[in-house]
Amino acid sequence: GTGAFTPEQAARVTRTAAAELGVEPTADGFVG
């Protein structure tokens, strides 16, 4: 019941994924 990430934690994962994939960390960036 306490397994959720905070938005700040999730943003850290998103920034890393975007950098690794070479895209902007937005829905438009990931779409392609």
PDB file of all heavy atoms in Angstrom:
ATOM      1  N   GLY A   1       0.814  -1.208   0.000  1.00  0.00           N
ATOM      2  CA  GLY A   1       0.000   0.000   0.000  1.00  0.00           C
ATOM      3  C   GLY A   1       0.842   1.251   0.000  1.00  0.00           C
ATOM      4  O   GLY A   1       0.323   2.371  -0.016  1.00  0.00           O
ATOM      5  N   THR A   2       2.180   1.079  -0.010  1.00  0.00           N
ATOM      6  CA  THR A   2       3.101   2.225  -0.033  1.00  0.00           C
ATOM      7  C   THR A   2       4.152   2.016  -1.120  1.00  0.00           C
ATOM      8  O   THR A   2       5.304   2.401  -0.962  1.00  0.00           O
ATOM      9  CB  THR A   2       3.777   2.401   1.338  1.00  0.00           C
ATOM     10  OG1 THR A   2       4.483   1.194   1.685  1.00  0.00           O
ATOM     11  CG2 THR A   2       2.755   2.707   2.423  1.00  0.00           C
ATOM     12  N   GLY A   3       3.748   1.406  -2.237  1.00  0.00           N
ATOM     13  CA  GLY A   3       4.687   1.065  -3.294  1.00  0.00           C
ATOM     14  C   GLY A   3       4.780   2.069  -4.428  1.00  0.00           C
ATOM     15  O   GLY A   3       5.441   1.806  -5.433  1.00  0.00           O
ATOM     16  N   ALA A   4       4.137   3.224  -4.294  1.00  0.00           N
ATOM     17  CA  ALA A   4       4.111   4.203  -5.384  1.00  0.00           C
ATOM     18  C   ALA A   4       5.362   5.077  -5.378  1.00  0.00           C
ATOM     19  O   ALA A   4       5.894   5.427  -4.320  1.00  0.00           O
ATOM     20  CB  ALA A   4       2.865   5.078  -5.267  1.00  0.00           C
ATOM     21  N   PHE A   5       5.811   5.449  -6.561  1.00  0.00           N
ATOM     22  CA  PHE A   5       6.850   6.470  -6.705  1.00  0.00           C
ATOM     23  C   PHE A   5       6.212   7.847  -6.563  1.00  0.00           C
ATOM     24  O   PHE A   5       5.055   8.058  -6.968  1.00  0.00           O
ATOM     25  CB  PHE A   5       7.500   6.400  -8.087  1.00  0.00           C
ATOM     26  CG  PHE A   5       8.403   5.213  -8.314  1.00  0.00           C
ATOM     27  CD1 PHE A   5       8.773   4.867  -9.599  1.00  0.00           C
ATOM     28  CD2 PHE A   5       8.896   4.455  -7.263  1.00  0.00           C
ATOM     29  CE1 PHE A   5       9.611   3.787  -9.840  1.00  0.00           C
ATOM     30  CE2 PHE A   5       9.733   3.366  -7.488  1.00  0.00           C
ATOM     31  CZ  PHE A   5      10.100   3.041  -8.783  1.00  0.00           C
ATOM     32  N   THR A   6       6.963   8.793  -6.039  1.00  0.00           N
ATOM     33  CA  THR A   6       6.538  10.190  -6.089  1.00  0.00           C
ATOM     34  C   THR A   6       6.784  10.721  -7.501  1.00  0.00           C
ATOM     35  O   THR A   6       7.602  10.175  -8.245  1.00  0.00           O
ATOM     36  CB  THR A   6       7.318  11.056  -5.090  1.00  0.00           C
ATOM     37  OG1 THR A   6       8.696  11.107  -5.509  1.00  0.00           O
ATOM     38  CG2 THR A   6       7.229  10.485  -3.674  1.00  0.00           C
ATOM     39  N   PRO A   7       6.108  11.815  -7.890  1.00  0.00           N
ATOM     40  CA  PRO A   7       6.392  12.402  -9.205  1.00  0.00           C
ATOM     41  C   PRO A   7       7.869  12.761  -9.384  1.00  0.00           C
ATOM     42  O   PRO A   7       8.410  12.622 -10.489  1.00  0.00           O
ATOM     43  CB  PRO A   7       5.494  13.644  -9.220  1.00  0.00           C
ATOM     44  CG  PRO A   7       4.334  13.258  -8.363  1.00  0.00           C
ATOM     45  CD  PRO A   7       4.929  12.431  -7.255  1.00  0.00           C
ATOM     46  N   GLU A   8       8.521  13.192  -8.311  1.00  0.00           N
ATOM     47  CA  GLU A   8       9.956  13.526  -8.397  1.00  0.00           C
ATOM     48  C   GLU A   8      10.795  12.292  -8.718  1.00  0.00           C
ATOM     49  O   GLU A   8      11.715  12.338  -9.554  1.00  0.00           O
ATOM     50  CB  GLU A   8      10.421  14.144  -7.070  1.00  0.00           C
ATOM     51  CG  GLU A   8      11.891  14.548  -7.072  1.00  0.00           C
ATOM     52  CD  GLU A   8      12.374  15.061  -5.713  1.00  0.00           C
ATOM     53  OE1 GLU A   8      11.560  15.110  -4.765  1.00  0.00           O
ATOM     54  OE2 GLU A   8      13.573  15.394  -5.601  1.00  0.00           O
ATOM     55  N   GLN A   9      10.480  11.163  -8.081  1.00  0.00           N
ATOM     56  CA  GLN A   9      11.208   9.928  -8.371  1.00  0.00           C
ATOM     57  C   GLN A   9      10.953   9.475  -9.806  1.00  0.00           C
ATOM     58  O   GLN A   9      11.872   9.068 -10.525  1.00  0.00           O
ATOM     59  CB  GLN A   9      10.785   8.839  -7.389  1.00  0.00           C
ATOM     60  CG  GLN A   9      11.266   9.077  -5.965  1.00  0.00           C
ATOM     61  CD  GLN A   9      10.683   8.081  -4.990  1.00  0.00           C
ATOM     62  OE1 GLN A   9       9.489   7.798  -5.013  1.00  0.00           O
ATOM     63  NE2 GLN A   9      11.518   7.550  -4.105  1.00  0.00           N
ATOM     64  N   ALA A  10       9.683   9.535 -10.222  1.00  0.00           N
ATOM     65  CA  ALA A  10       9.338   9.107 -11.578  1.00  0.00           C
ATOM     66  C   ALA A  10      10.021   9.978 -12.628  1.00  0.00           C
ATOM     67  O   ALA A  10      10.460   9.477 -13.677  1.00  0.00           O
ATOM     68  CB  ALA A  10       7.822   9.155 -11.759  1.00  0.00           C
ATOM     69  N   ALA A  11      10.136  11.280 -12.345  1.00  0.00           N
ATOM     70  CA  ALA A  11      10.791  12.197 -13.293  1.00  0.00           C
ATOM     71  C   ALA A  11      12.252  11.814 -13.497  1.00  0.00           C
ATOM     72  O   ALA A  11      12.802  11.973 -14.599  1.00  0.00           O
ATOM     73  CB  ALA A  11      10.676  13.629 -12.794  1.00  0.00           C
ATOM     74  N   ARG A  12      12.886  11.286 -12.473  1.00  0.00           N
ATOM     75  CA  ARG A  12      14.287  10.856 -12.578  1.00  0.00           C
ATOM     76  C   ARG A  12      14.407   9.695 -13.570  1.00  0.00           C
ATOM     77  O   ARG A  12      15.327   9.647 -14.383  1.00  0.00           O
ATOM     78  CB  ARG A  12      14.791  10.448 -11.194  1.00  0.00           C
ATOM     79  CG  ARG A  12      16.284  10.497 -11.026  1.00  0.00           C
ATOM     80  CD  ARG A  12      16.692  10.256  -9.574  1.00  0.00           C
ATOM     81  NE  ARG A  12      16.381  11.380  -8.703  1.00  0.00           N
ATOM     82  CZ  ARG A  12      16.650  11.408  -7.394  1.00  0.00           C
ATOM     83  NH1 ARG A  12      17.215  10.354  -6.822  1.00  0.00           N
ATOM     84  NH2 ARG A  12      16.342  12.459  -6.663  1.00  0.00           N
ATOM     85  N   VAL A  13      13.446   8.764 -13.499  1.00  0.00           N
ATOM     86  CA  VAL A  13      13.441   7.636 -14.446  1.00  0.00           C
ATOM     87  C   VAL A  13      13.174   8.144 -15.860  1.00  0.00           C
ATOM     88  O   VAL A  13      13.834   7.723 -16.823  1.00  0.00           O
ATOM     89  CB  VAL A  13      12.375   6.593 -14.037  1.00  0.00           C
ATOM     90  CG1 VAL A  13      12.359   5.426 -15.027  1.00  0.00           C
ATOM     91  CG2 VAL A  13      12.624   6.079 -12.624  1.00  0.00           C
ATOM     92  N   THR A  14      12.229   9.063 -16.001  1.00  0.00           N
ATOM     93  CA  THR A  14      11.867   9.594 -17.322  1.00  0.00           C
ATOM     94  C   THR A  14      13.038  10.314 -17.959  1.00  0.00           C
ATOM     95  O   THR A  14      13.325  10.124 -19.154  1.00  0.00           O
ATOM     96  CB  THR A  14      10.654  10.536 -17.201  1.00  0.00           C
ATOM     97  OG1 THR A  14       9.577   9.836 -16.576  1.00  0.00           O
ATOM     98  CG2 THR A  14      10.212  11.031 -18.568  1.00  0.00           C
ATOM     99  N   ARG A  15      13.740  11.158 -17.201  1.00  0.00           N
ATOM    100  CA  ARG A  15      14.896  11.881 -17.755  1.00  0.00           C
ATOM    101  C   ARG A  15      15.973  10.904 -18.223  1.00  0.00           C
ATOM    102  O   ARG A  15      16.583  11.085 -19.280  1.00  0.00           O
ATOM    103  CB  ARG A  15      15.467  12.848 -16.712  1.00  0.00           C
ATOM    104  CG  ARG A  15      14.631  14.092 -16.483  1.00  0.00           C
ATOM    105  CD  ARG A  15      15.402  15.151 -15.718  1.00  0.00           C
ATOM    106  NE  ARG A  15      15.831  14.687 -14.395  1.00  0.00           N
ATOM    107  CZ  ARG A  15      15.091  14.805 -13.290  1.00  0.00           C
ATOM    108  NH1 ARG A  15      13.883  15.356 -13.357  1.00  0.00           N
ATOM    109  NH2 ARG A  15      15.545  14.386 -12.123  1.00  0.00           N
ATOM    110  N   THR A  16      16.205   9.859 -17.426  1.00  0.00           N
ATOM    111  CA  THR A  16      17.230   8.872 -17.795  1.00  0.00           C
ATOM    112  C   THR A  16      16.824   8.121 -19.049  1.00  0.00           C
ATOM    113  O   THR A  16      17.642   7.919 -19.964  1.00  0.00           O
ATOM    114  CB  THR A  16      17.452   7.882 -16.637  1.00  0.00           C
ATOM    115  OG1 THR A  16      17.768   8.609 -15.446  1.00  0.00           O
ATOM    116  CG2 THR A  16      18.594   6.930 -16.944  1.00  0.00           C
ATOM    117  N   ALA A  17      15.557   7.699 -19.132  1.00  0.00           N
ATOM    118  CA  ALA A  17      15.077   6.981 -20.315  1.00  0.00           C
ATOM    119  C   ALA A  17      15.191   7.860 -21.558  1.00  0.00           C
ATOM    120  O   ALA A  17      15.626   7.397 -22.626  1.00  0.00           O
ATOM    121  CB  ALA A  17      13.640   6.524 -20.114  1.00  0.00           C
ATOM    122  N   ALA A  18      14.800   9.125 -21.437  1.00  0.00           N
ATOM    123  CA  ALA A  18      14.865  10.041 -22.585  1.00  0.00           C
ATOM    124  C   ALA A  18      16.308  10.241 -23.039  1.00  0.00           C
ATOM    125  O   ALA A  18      16.599  10.234 -24.252  1.00  0.00           O
ATOM    126  CB  ALA A  18      14.230  11.379 -22.211  1.00  0.00           C
ATOM    127  N   ALA A  19      17.218  10.397 -22.086  1.00  0.00           N
ATOM    128  CA  ALA A  19      18.629  10.580 -22.437  1.00  0.00           C
ATOM    129  C   ALA A  19      19.191   9.339 -23.119  1.00  0.00           C
ATOM    130  O   ALA A  19      19.918   9.438 -24.120  1.00  0.00           O
ATOM    131  CB  ALA A  19      19.427  10.908 -21.173  1.00  0.00           C
ATOM    132  N   GLU A  20      18.853   8.173 -22.604  1.00  0.00           N
ATOM    133  CA  GLU A  20      19.351   6.923 -23.198  1.00  0.00           C
ATOM    134  C   GLU A  20      18.809   6.714 -24.612  1.00  0.00           C
ATOM    135  O   GLU A  20      19.495   6.161 -25.475  1.00  0.00           O
ATOM    136  CB  GLU A  20      18.968   5.727 -22.317  1.00  0.00           C
ATOM    137  CG  GLU A  20      19.691   5.666 -20.988  1.00  0.00           C
ATOM    138  CD  GLU A  20      21.140   5.215 -21.128  1.00  0.00           C
ATOM    139  OE1 GLU A  20      21.522   4.771 -22.239  1.00  0.00           O
ATOM    140  OE2 GLU A  20      21.889   5.308 -20.143  1.00  0.00           O
ATOM    141  N   LEU A  21      17.564   7.155 -24.836  1.00  0.00           N
ATOM    142  CA  LEU A  21      16.934   6.972 -26.141  1.00  0.00           C
ATOM    143  C   LEU A  21      17.161   8.145 -27.082  1.00  0.00           C
ATOM    144  O   LEU A  21      16.796   8.091 -28.265  1.00  0.00           O
ATOM    145  CB  LEU A  21      15.428   6.741 -25.966  1.00  0.00           C
ATOM    146  CG  LEU A  21      15.037   5.418 -25.283  1.00  0.00           C
ATOM    147  CD1 LEU A  21      13.578   5.440 -24.852  1.00  0.00           C
ATOM    148  CD2 LEU A  21      15.306   4.233 -26.204  1.00  0.00           C
ATOM    149  N   GLY A  22      17.746   9.231 -26.559  1.00  0.00           N
ATOM    150  CA  GLY A  22      18.045  10.392 -27.380  1.00  0.00           C
ATOM    151  C   GLY A  22      16.832  11.176 -27.811  1.00  0.00           C
ATOM    152  O   GLY A  22      16.771  11.688 -28.937  1.00  0.00           O
ATOM    153  N   VAL A  23      15.826  11.285 -26.921  1.00  0.00           N
ATOM    154  CA  VAL A  23      14.604  12.017 -27.242  1.00  0.00           C
ATOM    155  C   VAL A  23      14.273  12.989 -26.105  1.00  0.00           C
ATOM    156  O   VAL A  23      14.867  12.938 -25.029  1.00  0.00           O
ATOM    157  CB  VAL A  23      13.406  11.055 -27.454  1.00  0.00           C
ATOM    158  CG1 VAL A  23      13.683  10.111 -28.613  1.00  0.00           C
ATOM    159  CG2 VAL A  23      13.090  10.271 -26.178  1.00  0.00           C
ATOM    160  N   GLU A  24      13.328  13.874 -26.368  1.00  0.00           N
ATOM    161  CA  GLU A  24      12.836  14.769 -25.325  1.00  0.00           C
ATOM    162  C   GLU A  24      11.971  13.976 -24.342  1.00  0.00           C
ATOM    163  O   GLU A  24      11.255  13.052 -24.754  1.00  0.00           O
ATOM    164  CB  GLU A  24      12.015  15.906 -25.931  1.00  0.00           C
ATOM    165  CG  GLU A  24      12.840  16.929 -26.692  1.00  0.00           C
ATOM    166  CD  GLU A  24      13.827  17.646 -25.780  1.00  0.00           C
ATOM    167  OE1 GLU A  24      13.396  18.148 -24.717  1.00  0.00           O
ATOM    168  OE2 GLU A  24      15.020  17.687 -26.123  1.00  0.00           O
ATOM    169  N   PRO A  25      11.982  14.348 -23.040  1.00  0.00           N
ATOM    170  CA  PRO A  25      11.211  13.587 -22.033  1.00  0.00           C
ATOM    171  C   PRO A  25       9.733  13.950 -22.017  1.00  0.00           C
ATOM    172  O   PRO A  25       9.155  14.261 -20.981  1.00  0.00           O
ATOM    173  CB  PRO A  25      11.903  13.961 -20.729  1.00  0.00           C
ATOM    174  CG  PRO A  25      12.413  15.349 -20.960  1.00  0.00           C
ATOM    175  CD  PRO A  25      12.810  15.412 -22.420  1.00  0.00           C
ATOM    176  N   THR A  26       9.102  13.905 -23.186  1.00  0.00           N
ATOM    177  CA  THR A  26       7.675  14.229 -23.320  1.00  0.00           C
ATOM    178  C   THR A  26       7.002  13.145 -24.155  1.00  0.00           C
ATOM    179  O   THR A  26       7.664  12.346 -24.817  1.00  0.00           O
ATOM    180  CB  THR A  26       7.487  15.577 -24.039  1.00  0.00           C
ATOM    181  OG1 THR A  26       8.013  15.452 -25.379  1.00  0.00           O
ATOM    182  CG2 THR A  26       8.212  16.710 -23.304  1.00  0.00           C
ATOM    183  N   ALA A  27       5.670  13.165 -24.139  1.00  0.00           N
ATOM    184  CA  ALA A  27       4.932  12.190 -24.947  1.00  0.00           C
ATOM    185  C   ALA A  27       5.306  12.331 -26.425  1.00  0.00           C
ATOM    186  O   ALA A  27       5.536  11.336 -27.119  1.00  0.00           O
ATOM    187  CB  ALA A  27       3.430  12.377 -24.746  1.00  0.00           C
ATOM    188  N   ASP A  28       5.407  13.574 -26.919  1.00  0.00           N
ATOM    189  CA  ASP A  28       5.785  13.778 -28.320  1.00  0.00           C
ATOM    190  C   ASP A  28       7.181  13.233 -28.599  1.00  0.00           C
ATOM    191  O   ASP A  28       7.433  12.696 -29.685  1.00  0.00           O
ATOM    192  CB  ASP A  28       5.730  15.270 -28.666  1.00  0.00           C
ATOM    193  CG  ASP A  28       4.299  15.785 -28.760  1.00  0.00           C
ATOM    194  OD1 ASP A  28       3.374  14.951 -28.878  1.00  0.00           O
ATOM    195  OD2 ASP A  28       4.107  17.018 -28.688  1.00  0.00           O
ATOM    196  N   GLY A  29       8.075  13.357 -27.607  1.00  0.00           N
ATOM    197  CA  GLY A  29       9.431  12.852 -27.788  1.00  0.00           C
ATOM    198  C   GLY A  29       9.486  11.341 -27.883  1.00  0.00           C
ATOM    199  O   GLY A  29      10.248  10.778 -28.686  1.00  0.00           O
ATOM    200  N   PHE A  30       8.680  10.673 -27.101  1.00  0.00           N
ATOM    201  CA  PHE A  30       8.727   9.202 -27.045  1.00  0.00           C
ATOM    202  C   PHE A  30       7.905   8.523 -28.146  1.00  0.00           C
ATOM    203  O   PHE A  30       8.093   7.334 -28.407  1.00  0.00           O
ATOM    204  CB  PHE A  30       8.223   8.713 -25.682  1.00  0.00           C
ATOM    205  CG  PHE A  30       9.219   8.867 -24.563  1.00  0.00           C
ATOM    206  CD1 PHE A  30       9.049   9.847 -23.589  1.00  0.00           C
ATOM    207  CD2 PHE A  30      10.327   8.033 -24.484  1.00  0.00           C
ATOM    208  CE1 PHE A  30       9.959   9.991 -22.562  1.00  0.00           C
ATOM    209  CE2 PHE A  30      11.242   8.162 -23.445  1.00  0.00           C
ATOM    210  CZ  PHE A  30      11.072   9.150 -22.488  1.00  0.00           C
ATOM    211  N   VAL A  31       6.989   9.265 -28.778  1.00  0.00           N
ATOM    212  CA  VAL A  31       6.028   8.651 -29.701  1.00  0.00           C
ATOM    213  C   VAL A  31       6.710   7.902 -30.843  1.00  0.00           C
ATOM    214  O   VAL A  31       6.255   6.835 -31.254  1.00  0.00           O
ATOM    215  CB  VAL A  31       5.060   9.731 -30.246  1.00  0.00           C
ATOM    216  CG1 VAL A  31       4.473   9.339 -31.579  1.00  0.00           C
ATOM    217  CG2 VAL A  31       3.941   9.961 -29.247  1.00  0.00           C
ATOM    218  N   GLY A  32       7.810   8.427 -31.363  1.00  0.00           N
ATOM    219  CA  GLY A  32       8.454   7.812 -32.517  1.00  0.00           C
ATOM    220  C   GLY A  32       9.360   6.640 -32.197  1.00  0.00           C
ATOM    221  O   GLY A  32       9.913   6.010 -33.108  1.00  0.00           O
TER     222      GLY A  32
END
